[in-house]
Amino acid sequence: MFDLVVSGGTVVDGSGAPGYHADVGVGGETIAAIGDLGRAETRRVIDATGLVVAPGFIDPHTHAEGALLTDPQHPMGLRQGITTEFLGIDGMSYAPLSAANYRLYRRWLAGLLGDPPEDLDMSSVAAFRRHYHRKVAVNTAYLVPFATVRLEVLGFRDAPLRGRDLEAAGRLVREGLEQGAVGFSTGSKYYPGPWAETADLIALCEPVAAAGSVYMCEPRRANLERAHGGDGVAEALEIARRTGVRLHFAHYRTAPETAGRIDVIMRLIDPAKAKGLDVTFDIYPYPSGSTIAVSYLPGWAQEGGPDALLRRLADPGDRRKVAETLDHDPSVPLDQLVCSYVGKEKALEGMSLVDLAARAGCTLGEALCDLLLSEELRVGHVAAPPRSVALWRQVSRDCMQLLSRPDYMVCSDITPAGSVPHPRSYGAFPRFLGRLRREFGGLSLEAMVHRMTDRPARRFGLTRRGRIDRGYFADLVVFDSEHVIDTATYDDPRQFPVGIPFVVVNGEVAVDDERLTGVLAGQAVP
């Protein structure tokens, strides 16, 4: 007797091998049989005739930890076919933090992660994982985030991480890995992380390498004078050379200024790989990103944390210095910022910083300072896509070319807060699976599914996930390969894809004929 049989579909098992017609039988949490199960007894049948049956998609890059705690059904991920999401990305999250530091960092991260409950125990990776195990709709994996570790050890201040402090940070990293984290992460500009020097990260990646885990890096963009080679990519490669750690670059792709020039973004990386460095990447299929507005403010203004930062924004002299820094920093794309999440004045969501500055008769830097002050730092934004359709299409072609490499996998970079989130939060996986695969080619359906399932599972050591095979966990997605497509857009982002009628998580149907069932079967993995 099976609990569920998915019958009549084409099984694309995640390995990259050609699809084949078979039924998939589920008993409890796992796949019990694959073959002709037409006469088998079962409690439920999903008719997948004409559809593809694949492993549930594994997303190695999301910022959904806050959203999962406030809406555990998590429709934006589930409806894409995602059954496992990674948290603790870009060096920032909620654990391991004391109660006071959790409340502090929760405020700083609110523009990106939203507003989870204030009274949660985030004192360890184990405590963090308990908040998600069988309490949310998707599986979750966690990476120990560097900025969080640094905050717990040193506070929100620019001070050297040396001696006993470095030992304490290393202990938190080791304990996190022992408690189930699948790696260690750093980010580009998320304080207090950018106050580190390369030597600090080398020391902390040594236990990561010893554990056989992965160092996930969003290349540094702040305080580059502290980075080896004065460059975030060069720094990450040096850390991998010095420690032997397995390196993974987060959402690494061309941008409008490098469209069509994959050779430029791989200039340092491919020679390093040729010399033996173990490097992989993930990618989402859009030409612009989304992040937290407070991260653009200079390091000296961040000293002391949220309260001190707000005092500086309220001080006319300090505010002027911050605004001038922003207005003259070419790496800060102020003219592209569109508010995705605003803590109090919700009517501002969807407005551009250019519009806000024009309305106030001030510079873009001044407008951002005013907004962060009035909203107490709780501002998230989306970067507008390029006006040139041809440029956008070239970035899409680049994404497909990069994904055809043997070292790339798919991610979404879900940034869920607010009424105008980035469309990737609702459409990244179906955009690759449907729209771009059909339009640009270059990857078979089986190869595309492999990059969404088995490849991330193997890279990050997820146990019995990422394939359709006997004994594996029954994480499954059923989709129409000819019609699956994203519908989320920059101007109307909260739109679910079509062509993904069924999603199963650990043997339980979580999406049934495109409707959420309310089942919370997700586990903290691996």
Foldseek 3Di string as FASTA:
>chain_A
DFAEKEAAAFELWLPLDDTHHWIWTHHFFFTADIHHCVPPDYNYYHHQHLWYKYFQFAFEFAAALLVCQVPQLQLLQVLLRHAEYEHCAQQDDQPLADLVVSQQSCLQACLFHNHHDSRQHRNALLSSQVSAAQSHAHAYAYANGNQRLLCRQPNQALDACDDPSLVSSLVRNLRRVVSGHLYYEHHAQDPPRVSYALVSVLSNCQSCVVVQGEYEYAFHDAPLVRAVVSTRVVSQLVSCVSRVHAYEYEQQFDALVCQPPPCVSCVPPPVSVVVPHHYFYEHFQFRWFKGFLVSPFHSVLCHPGLVSNLVLLVDVVSLVVRLVVLLPDPVRPQQQWAWAAFQPPQVRHRPGLVVQCVVVVHDSSSSSSVRCNVRSRNTMTIGHGDPDPVSGVSRNLRVLVSLLDPRYAYHQHQRDHHQQGALSSNFGSLAVQEVSCVPPNPDDNSSNLNRRFVVVCVNSVWPQTRTSDGPRGPWMWIFNSHQWHRDADNNRRPDHIPGTQWTAHSRHTQHHGNRGPPRSNYRHTD
